[in-house]
Amino acid sequence: MSQTLTEWSEDEFNTAMKNDRVSVVEFGATWCASCKATEPILAEMVNDFSDVTFAKIDVAKNAPLASRMGVMSLPNIIIMTKGKVVEQIIGGANRAKIEEKLKKAL
């Protein structure tokens, strides 16, 4: 079954930062080719990691949030839990690399 990533607003991101659930968030843009390549990988992982929230944030729509989080390159994948960023992947990544970082956070 094909999944899609939920697009979050800054408010949804802030809410996620307050809970204990692990979240994987891709900061990207519609014009970013590497972001377009990474999104299907994350969407596929939704089925395999049901205890993790996966989402994306469009930096064009959420520039203040991207700035606050120090996003300077795209895609920028952050893995967070309990209000803290615990892992980060800057630039394109394959599934193995994303899983490796995610498993450290679980």
C-alpha atoms as a PDB file:
ATOM      1  CA  MET A   1       0.000   0.000   0.000  1.00  0.00           C
ATOM      2  CA  SER A   2       1.436   3.342  -1.038  1.00  0.00           C
ATOM      3  CA  GLN A   3       1.624   6.029   1.622  1.00  0.00           C
ATOM      4  CA  THR A   4       2.250   9.733   1.369  1.00  0.00           C
ATOM      5  CA  LEU A   5       3.936  12.026   3.823  1.00  0.00           C
ATOM      6  CA  THR A   6       1.753  14.404   5.766  1.00  0.00           C
ATOM      7  CA  GLU A   7       2.742  18.015   5.252  1.00  0.00           C
ATOM      8  CA  TRP A   8       3.067  19.830   8.561  1.00  0.00           C
ATOM      9  CA  SER A   9       2.669  23.470   9.443  1.00  0.00           C
ATOM     10  CA  GLU A  10       4.855  25.127  12.057  1.00  0.00           C
ATOM     11  CA  ASP A  11       2.112  24.580  14.658  1.00  0.00           C
ATOM     12  CA  GLU A  12       1.988  20.842  13.914  1.00  0.00           C
ATOM     13  CA  PHE A  13       5.778  20.666  14.150  1.00  0.00           C
ATOM     14  CA  ASN A  14       5.728  22.464  17.507  1.00  0.00           C
ATOM     15  CA  THR A  15       3.092  20.042  18.812  1.00  0.00           C
ATOM     16  CA  ALA A  16       5.187  17.058  17.715  1.00  0.00           C
ATOM     17  CA  MET A  17       8.206  18.488  19.516  1.00  0.00           C
ATOM     18  CA  LYS A  18       6.251  18.309  22.785  1.00  0.00           C
ATOM     19  CA  ASN A  19       5.360  14.615  22.668  1.00  0.00           C
ATOM     20  CA  ASP A  20       7.349  11.459  23.326  1.00  0.00           C
ATOM     21  CA  ARG A  21       6.706   9.868  19.944  1.00  0.00           C
ATOM     22  CA  VAL A  22       9.652   9.671  17.551  1.00  0.00           C
ATOM     23  CA  SER A  23       9.110  11.815  14.454  1.00  0.00           C
ATOM     24  CA  VAL A  24      11.005  11.859  11.175  1.00  0.00           C
ATOM     25  CA  VAL A  25      10.599  15.189   9.424  1.00  0.00           C
ATOM     26  CA  GLU A  26      11.923  16.083   6.002  1.00  0.00           C
ATOM     27  CA  PHE A  27      12.498  19.775   5.372  1.00  0.00           C
ATOM     28  CA  GLY A  28      12.320  20.188   1.606  1.00  0.00           C
ATOM     29  CA  ALA A  29      10.982  22.196  -1.301  1.00  0.00           C
ATOM     30  CA  THR A  30       8.963  21.481  -4.420  1.00  0.00           C
ATOM     31  CA  TRP A  31      11.912  22.490  -6.637  1.00  0.00           C
ATOM     32  CA  CYS A  32      14.409  20.213  -4.832  1.00  0.00           C
ATOM     33  CA  ALA A  33      15.201  17.093  -6.892  1.00  0.00           C
ATOM     34  CA  SER A  34      16.869  15.284  -3.971  1.00  0.00           C
ATOM     35  CA  CYS A  35      13.792  15.995  -1.828  1.00  0.00           C
ATOM     36  CA  LYS A  36      11.572  14.422  -4.464  1.00  0.00           C
ATOM     37  CA  ALA A  37      13.806  11.341  -4.411  1.00  0.00           C
ATOM     38  CA  THR A  38      13.770  11.089  -0.611  1.00  0.00           C
ATOM     39  CA  GLU A  39      10.014  11.506  -0.074  1.00  0.00           C
ATOM     40  CA  PRO A  40       9.010   8.111  -1.540  1.00  0.00           C
ATOM     41  CA  ILE A  41      11.589   6.397   0.675  1.00  0.00           C
ATOM     42  CA  LEU A  42      10.129   8.013   3.788  1.00  0.00           C
ATOM     43  CA  ALA A  43       6.573   7.321   2.622  1.00  0.00           C
ATOM     44  CA  GLU A  44       7.467   3.641   2.185  1.00  0.00           C
ATOM     45  CA  MET A  45       8.904   3.536   5.707  1.00  0.00           C
ATOM     46  CA  VAL A  46       5.538   4.594   7.171  1.00  0.00           C
ATOM     47  CA  ASN A  47       4.340   0.981   6.862  1.00  0.00           C
ATOM     48  CA  ASP A  48       7.439  -0.498   8.482  1.00  0.00           C
ATOM     49  CA  PHE A  49       7.678   1.858  11.456  1.00  0.00           C
ATOM     50  CA  SER A  50       4.110   2.223  12.723  1.00  0.00           C
ATOM     51  CA  ASP A  51       5.308   3.682  16.033  1.00  0.00           C
ATOM     52  CA  VAL A  52       7.022   6.601  14.257  1.00  0.00           C
ATOM     53  CA  THR A  53       5.430   9.715  12.768  1.00  0.00           C
ATOM     54  CA  PHE A  54       6.683  10.726   9.316  1.00  0.00           C
ATOM     55  CA  ALA A  55       6.076  14.192   7.892  1.00  0.00           C
ATOM     56  CA  LYS A  56       7.449  16.829   5.572  1.00  0.00           C
ATOM     57  CA  ILE A  57       7.773  20.577   5.826  1.00  0.00           C
ATOM     58  CA  ASP A  58       7.932  22.850   2.801  1.00  0.00           C
ATOM     59  CA  VAL A  59      10.600  25.440   3.599  1.00  0.00           C
ATOM     60  CA  ALA A  60       9.017  27.937   1.200  1.00  0.00           C
ATOM     61  CA  LYS A  61       5.827  27.893   3.280  1.00  0.00           C
ATOM     62  CA  ASN A  62       7.609  27.665   6.638  1.00  0.00           C
ATOM     63  CA  ALA A  63      10.761  29.768   6.263  1.00  0.00           C
ATOM     64  CA  PRO A  64      10.829  30.986   9.896  1.00  0.00           C
ATOM     65  CA  LEU A  65      10.667  27.382  11.143  1.00  0.00           C
ATOM     66  CA  ALA A  66      13.392  26.264   8.745  1.00  0.00           C
ATOM     67  CA  SER A  67      15.564  29.124   9.946  1.00  0.00           C
ATOM     68  CA  ARG A  68      14.862  28.310  13.612  1.00  0.00           C
ATOM     69  CA  MET A  69      15.872  24.695  12.997  1.00  0.00           C
ATOM     70  CA  GLY A  70      19.069  25.722  11.198  1.00  0.00           C
ATOM     71  CA  VAL A  71      18.054  24.264   7.842  1.00  0.00           C
ATOM     72  CA  MET A  72      20.584  25.506   5.296  1.00  0.00           C
ATOM     73  CA  SER A  73      20.638  22.603   2.802  1.00  0.00           C
ATOM     74  CA  LEU A  74      17.909  20.408   1.343  1.00  0.00           C
ATOM     75  CA  PRO A  75      16.695  17.856   1.953  1.00  0.00           C
ATOM     76  CA  ASN A  76      17.289  18.065   5.665  1.00  0.00           C
ATOM     77  CA  ILE A  77      15.834  15.141   7.592  1.00  0.00           C
ATOM     78  CA  ILE A  78      15.562  15.454  11.330  1.00  0.00           C
ATOM     79  CA  ILE A  79      14.637  12.716  13.755  1.00  0.00           C
ATOM     80  CA  MET A  80      13.240  14.062  16.985  1.00  0.00           C
ATOM     81  CA  THR A  81      11.717  12.888  20.212  1.00  0.00           C
ATOM     82  CA  LYS A  82      10.865  14.473  23.557  1.00  0.00           C
ATOM     83  CA  GLY A  83      11.477  17.972  22.228  1.00  0.00           C
ATOM     84  CA  LYS A  84      14.971  17.293  20.944  1.00  0.00           C
ATOM     85  CA  VAL A  85      16.551  16.599  17.603  1.00  0.00           C
ATOM     86  CA  VAL A  86      18.395  13.317  18.137  1.00  0.00           C
ATOM     87  CA  GLU A  87      19.591  12.626  14.593  1.00  0.00           C
ATOM     88  CA  GLN A  88      19.927  14.615  11.388  1.00  0.00           C
ATOM     89  CA  ILE A  89      20.673  13.786   7.755  1.00  0.00           C
ATOM     90  CA  ILE A  90      21.634  16.625   5.448  1.00  0.00           C
ATOM     91  CA  GLY A  91      21.363  15.990   1.717  1.00  0.00           C
ATOM     92  CA  GLY A  92      19.984  13.000  -0.117  1.00  0.00           C
ATOM     93  CA  ALA A  93      19.949   9.662   1.657  1.00  0.00           C
ATOM     94  CA  ASN A  94      19.045   6.093   0.859  1.00  0.00           C
ATOM     95  CA  ARG A  95      16.736   3.979   2.983  1.00  0.00           C
ATOM     96  CA  ALA A  96      19.585   2.169   4.745  1.00  0.00           C
ATOM     97  CA  LYS A  97      21.090   5.429   5.980  1.00  0.00           C
ATOM     98  CA  ILE A  98      17.734   6.755   7.167  1.00  0.00           C
ATOM     99  CA  GLU A  99      16.923   3.471   8.947  1.00  0.00           C
ATOM    100  CA  GLU A 100      20.333   3.427  10.636  1.00  0.00           C
ATOM    101  CA  LYS A 101      19.736   6.898  12.099  1.00  0.00           C
ATOM    102  CA  LEU A 102      16.113   6.112  12.991  1.00  0.00           C
ATOM    103  CA  LYS A 103      16.998   2.909  14.842  1.00  0.00           C
ATOM    104  CA  LYS A 104      19.441   4.874  17.006  1.00  0.00           C
ATOM    105  CA  ALA A 105      16.538   7.089  18.091  1.00  0.00           C
ATOM    106  CA  LEU A 106      14.136   4.248  18.916  1.00  0.00           C
END
